[in-house]
Amino acid sequence: MNNFTNKGNVIRGRFTANNAAALSVNKVLRNTYLLLSMTLLFSAACAFYAIISNAQPLGIIVFLVGMFGLSMLTRSLRNSVWGIPAIFAFTGFMGYMLGPILNMYLVSFTNGSSLVFTALGMTGIIFVGLSLYALTTRKNFSYLGGFLFAAFLVSFLAGIGAILFHMPLLSLVVSGAFALLSSAAILYQTSLIIHGGERNYIMATISLYVSLFNLFLSLLRLLSVFAGSRD
């Protein structure tokens, strides 16, 4: 009798633990997607303001310092109430820096607005598709972590080199690489949340935001080369 009782307690304990884990995952997912939606809207508003105010590019150094500085600030405050203002500061800065880039496409190409909205639509479709795939199949993509870190680092350095040495072909290759890597990063981050590897929704949000930002810019760059129309 005691054996049956002990087994029953073990089963109930496992069920309770699994139920608590599932609730925790659902809470992180809900908070992540809510915060991601809000930061994307705020970032879009900052980009729109930069466009209508005809903001000028602040330079690659300012962009890199602001991006990495605010990203590190957000990560350091991830467990604090100040993590929310920090992530809005980061995404607002990224949106504002995006404005002059979008202005350049709108001015340089006769179909600039079409290119921007097409890239935006493709980004949304890819994000939703990959997220649904990870959520429904529940496959574990955590093995991609090391590869993604190394590949992003190499691609980032190659992109800097393409800008400094004016190498358009290398820049195009880097854009293609970033589009693929950003898509893989969406799968990786979503998988981390599902399998309990990421319990902080601020960290999850900033990771997904950066992936979407890179994916959008990469697609826009590729579309401008293959479908852009100039006067």
Protein backbone atom coordinates (compact mmCIF):
# COMPACT_ATOMS: atom_id res chain seq x y z
CA MET A 1 0.00 0.00 0.00
CA ASN A 2 2.82 2.36 0.86
CA ASN A 3 4.44 1.63 -2.51
CA PHE A 4 1.27 2.65 -4.36
CA THR A 5 1.00 5.78 -2.25
CA ASN A 6 4.62 6.71 -2.93
CA LYS A 7 4.20 6.13 -6.67
CA GLY A 8 1.07 8.26 -6.63
CA ASN A 9 2.91 11.06 -4.88
CA VAL A 10 5.74 10.86 -7.40
CA ILE A 11 3.30 11.01 -10.33
CA ARG A 12 1.45 13.96 -8.78
CA GLY A 13 4.75 15.70 -8.11
CA ARG A 14 5.86 15.25 -11.70
CA PHE A 15 2.50 16.45 -13.00
CA THR A 16 2.66 19.53 -10.78
CA ALA A 17 6.23 20.28 -11.90
CA ASN A 18 5.34 19.86 -15.57
CA ASN A 19 2.26 22.03 -15.18
CA ALA A 20 4.29 24.75 -13.43
CA ALA A 21 6.92 24.61 -16.18
CA ALA A 22 4.25 24.90 -18.88
CA LEU A 23 2.68 27.88 -17.13
CA SER A 24 6.09 29.54 -16.83
CA VAL A 25 6.80 29.03 -20.54
CA ASN A 26 3.40 30.41 -21.52
CA LYS A 27 3.95 33.45 -19.32
CA VAL A 28 7.34 34.18 -20.91
CA LEU A 29 5.88 33.74 -24.40
CA ARG A 30 2.95 36.03 -23.64
CA ASN A 31 5.11 38.74 -22.09
CA THR A 32 7.70 38.46 -24.86
CA TYR A 33 5.24 38.86 -27.72
CA LEU A 34 3.44 41.68 -25.94
CA LEU A 35 6.66 43.59 -25.27
CA LEU A 36 7.96 42.83 -28.75
CA SER A 37 4.78 44.28 -30.31
CA MET A 38 5.06 47.43 -28.22
CA THR A 39 8.75 47.96 -28.96
CA LEU A 40 8.22 47.39 -32.67
CA LEU A 41 5.47 50.01 -32.73
CA PHE A 42 7.65 52.45 -30.78
CA SER A 43 10.59 51.77 -33.08
CA ALA A 44 8.39 52.32 -36.14
CA ALA A 45 7.17 55.63 -34.68
CA CYS A 46 10.77 56.76 -34.12
CA ALA A 47 11.68 55.74 -37.67
CA PHE A 48 8.69 57.65 -39.04
CA TYR A 49 9.68 60.74 -37.06
CA ALA A 50 13.22 60.50 -38.44
CA ILE A 51 11.83 60.25 -41.98
CA ILE A 52 9.45 63.22 -41.78
CA SER A 53 12.06 65.34 -40.00
CA ASN A 54 14.60 64.42 -42.65
CA ALA A 55 17.08 63.26 -40.00
CA GLN A 56 20.62 62.82 -41.27
CA PRO A 57 22.72 59.67 -40.74
CA LEU A 58 24.81 59.96 -37.59
CA GLY A 59 27.59 57.72 -38.86
CA ILE A 60 28.63 54.12 -38.37
CA ILE A 61 30.57 54.86 -35.16
CA VAL A 62 27.58 56.51 -33.46
CA PHE A 63 25.34 53.66 -34.62
CA LEU A 64 27.65 50.94 -33.27
CA VAL A 65 28.30 52.73 -29.96
CA GLY A 66 24.59 53.43 -29.43
CA MET A 67 23.51 49.95 -30.47
CA PHE A 68 26.00 48.02 -28.34
CA GLY A 69 25.86 50.49 -25.45
CA LEU A 70 22.06 50.46 -25.12
CA SER A 71 21.97 46.71 -25.73
CA MET A 72 24.43 46.11 -22.90
CA LEU A 73 22.49 48.51 -20.66
CA THR A 74 19.27 46.62 -21.32
CA ARG A 75 20.91 43.28 -20.62
CA SER A 76 22.42 44.56 -17.37
CA LEU A 77 18.98 45.80 -16.23
CA ARG A 78 17.03 42.76 -17.43
CA ASN A 79 16.03 41.74 -13.89
CA SER A 80 15.18 45.28 -12.81
CA VAL A 81 12.15 47.49 -13.33
CA TRP A 82 14.48 49.74 -15.34
CA GLY A 83 14.84 47.02 -17.95
CA ILE A 84 11.60 48.15 -19.64
CA PRO A 85 12.68 51.81 -20.18
CA ALA A 86 16.10 50.52 -21.30
CA ILE A 87 14.67 48.27 -24.00
CA PHE A 88 12.44 51.09 -25.25
CA ALA A 89 15.50 53.35 -25.38
CA PHE A 90 17.34 50.70 -27.39
CA THR A 91 14.52 50.04 -29.86
CA GLY A 92 13.73 53.75 -30.17
CA PHE A 93 17.36 54.47 -31.01
CA MET A 94 17.41 51.67 -33.58
CA GLY A 95 14.20 52.98 -35.13
CA TYR A 96 15.54 56.53 -35.30
CA MET A 97 18.75 55.30 -36.95
CA LEU A 98 16.63 53.33 -39.41
CA GLY A 99 14.82 56.47 -40.58
CA PRO A 100 17.66 57.95 -42.70
CA ILE A 101 18.29 54.52 -44.25
CA LEU A 102 14.65 54.24 -45.30
CA ASN A 103 14.76 57.82 -46.58
CA MET A 104 17.69 56.87 -48.78
CA TYR A 105 15.73 54.02 -50.36
CA LEU A 106 12.63 56.20 -50.80
CA VAL A 107 14.64 58.91 -52.55
CA SER A 108 17.04 56.72 -54.55
CA PHE A 109 14.46 54.35 -56.05
CA THR A 110 11.29 55.23 -57.90
CA ASN A 111 9.69 52.16 -56.33
CA GLY A 112 11.28 52.84 -52.95
CA SER A 113 8.04 52.71 -50.99
CA SER A 114 7.16 49.40 -52.66
CA LEU A 115 10.56 47.98 -51.71
CA VAL A 116 10.15 49.04 -48.09
CA PHE A 117 6.65 47.62 -47.70
CA THR A 118 7.60 44.41 -49.51
CA ALA A 119 10.56 43.90 -47.21
CA LEU A 120 8.34 44.67 -44.21
CA GLY A 121 5.70 42.19 -45.37
CA MET A 122 8.27 39.48 -46.04
CA THR A 123 9.79 40.04 -42.61
CA GLY A 124 6.39 39.64 -40.96
CA ILE A 125 5.55 36.49 -42.94
CA ILE A 126 8.91 34.88 -42.18
CA PHE A 127 8.65 35.73 -38.48
CA VAL A 128 5.11 34.39 -38.12
CA GLY A 129 5.90 31.27 -40.17
CA LEU A 130 9.05 30.38 -38.26
CA SER A 131 7.47 31.15 -34.89
CA LEU A 132 4.47 28.93 -35.65
CA TYR A 133 6.78 26.18 -36.85
CA ALA A 134 8.80 26.28 -33.62
CA LEU A 135 5.68 26.48 -31.46
CA THR A 136 3.76 23.67 -33.17
CA THR A 137 6.60 21.20 -33.74
CA ARG A 138 8.32 22.07 -30.44
CA LYS A 139 11.65 21.06 -31.93
CA ASN A 140 14.72 22.01 -29.94
CA PHE A 141 17.01 24.32 -31.92
CA SER A 142 19.37 25.08 -29.04
CA TYR A 143 22.18 23.37 -30.93
CA LEU A 144 22.27 26.40 -33.25
CA GLY A 145 23.58 28.71 -30.50
CA GLY A 146 27.32 28.29 -31.03
CA PHE A 147 27.05 28.30 -34.80
CA LEU A 148 24.90 31.44 -34.86
CA PHE A 149 27.31 33.34 -32.62
CA ALA A 150 30.31 32.52 -34.81
CA ALA A 151 28.44 33.09 -38.07
CA PHE A 152 27.02 36.45 -36.97
CA LEU A 153 30.45 37.60 -35.83
CA VAL A 154 32.06 36.67 -39.15
CA SER A 155 29.21 38.25 -41.13
CA PHE A 156 29.33 41.41 -39.03
CA LEU A 157 33.07 41.84 -39.57
CA ALA A 158 32.63 41.13 -43.28
CA GLY A 159 29.91 43.78 -43.43
CA ILE A 160 32.16 46.36 -41.78
CA GLY A 161 34.88 45.48 -44.27
CA ALA A 162 32.45 45.84 -47.18
CA ILE A 163 31.53 49.35 -45.98
CA LEU A 164 35.08 50.51 -45.30
CA PHE A 165 36.54 49.17 -48.55
CA HIS A 166 33.48 49.85 -50.74
CA MET A 167 32.89 46.25 -51.83
CA PRO A 168 29.28 46.05 -53.09
CA LEU A 169 29.45 42.34 -53.99
CA LEU A 170 30.63 41.42 -50.49
CA SER A 171 27.92 43.65 -49.04
CA LEU A 172 25.32 41.74 -51.05
CA VAL A 173 26.66 38.39 -49.83
CA VAL A 174 26.60 39.66 -46.24
CA SER A 175 22.97 40.74 -46.66
CA GLY A 176 22.04 37.27 -47.84
CA ALA A 177 23.92 35.70 -44.95
CA PHE A 178 22.25 37.99 -42.41
CA ALA A 179 18.80 37.17 -43.80
CA LEU A 180 19.41 33.44 -43.36
CA LEU A 181 21.10 33.79 -39.98
CA SER A 182 18.36 36.11 -38.66
CA SER A 183 15.74 33.56 -39.69
CA ALA A 184 17.66 30.83 -37.89
CA ALA A 185 17.99 33.10 -34.84
CA ILE A 186 14.18 33.44 -34.67
CA LEU A 187 13.87 29.65 -34.53
CA TYR A 188 16.65 29.45 -31.95
CA GLN A 189 15.22 32.11 -29.62
CA THR A 190 11.66 30.78 -29.84
CA SER A 191 12.96 27.29 -29.11
CA LEU A 192 14.84 28.58 -26.06
CA ILE A 193 11.63 30.00 -24.63
CA ILE A 194 9.60 26.86 -25.32
CA HIS A 195 12.14 24.54 -23.72
CA GLY A 196 12.81 26.73 -20.70
CA GLY A 197 16.24 27.93 -21.76
CA GLU A 198 15.10 31.57 -21.64
CA ARG A 199 12.98 32.72 -18.70
CA ASN A 200 13.56 36.47 -19.02
CA TYR A 201 11.12 38.09 -21.43
CA ILE A 202 13.24 41.24 -21.77
CA MET A 203 16.18 39.18 -23.03
CA ALA A 204 13.89 37.21 -25.33
CA THR A 205 12.37 40.42 -26.69
CA ILE A 206 15.67 42.12 -27.44
CA SER A 207 16.97 39.01 -29.20
CA LEU A 208 13.88 38.70 -31.40
CA TYR A 209 13.87 42.45 -32.10
CA VAL A 210 17.49 42.39 -33.31
CA SER A 211 16.72 39.38 -35.52
CA LEU A 212 13.73 41.17 -37.07
CA PHE A 213 15.72 44.39 -37.53
CA ASN A 214 18.55 42.56 -39.32
CA LEU A 215 16.13 40.47 -41.38
CA PHE A 216 14.22 43.53 -42.56
CA LEU A 217 17.35 45.47 -43.55
CA SER A 218 18.84 42.44 -45.29
CA LEU A 219 15.69 41.80 -47.30
CA LEU A 220 15.44 45.48 -48.20
CA ARG A 221 19.03 45.48 -49.43
CA LEU A 222 18.47 42.35 -51.54
CA LEU A 223 15.20 43.67 -52.99
CA SER A 224 16.83 46.98 -53.92
CA VAL A 225 19.53 45.15 -55.90
CA PHE A 226 17.28 42.70 -57.71
CA ALA A 227 14.03 44.68 -57.99
CA GLY A 228 14.98 48.32 -57.42
CA SER A 229 14.12 50.86 -60.10
CA ARG A 230 16.03 54.12 -60.47
CA ASP A 231 15.25 57.19 -62.61
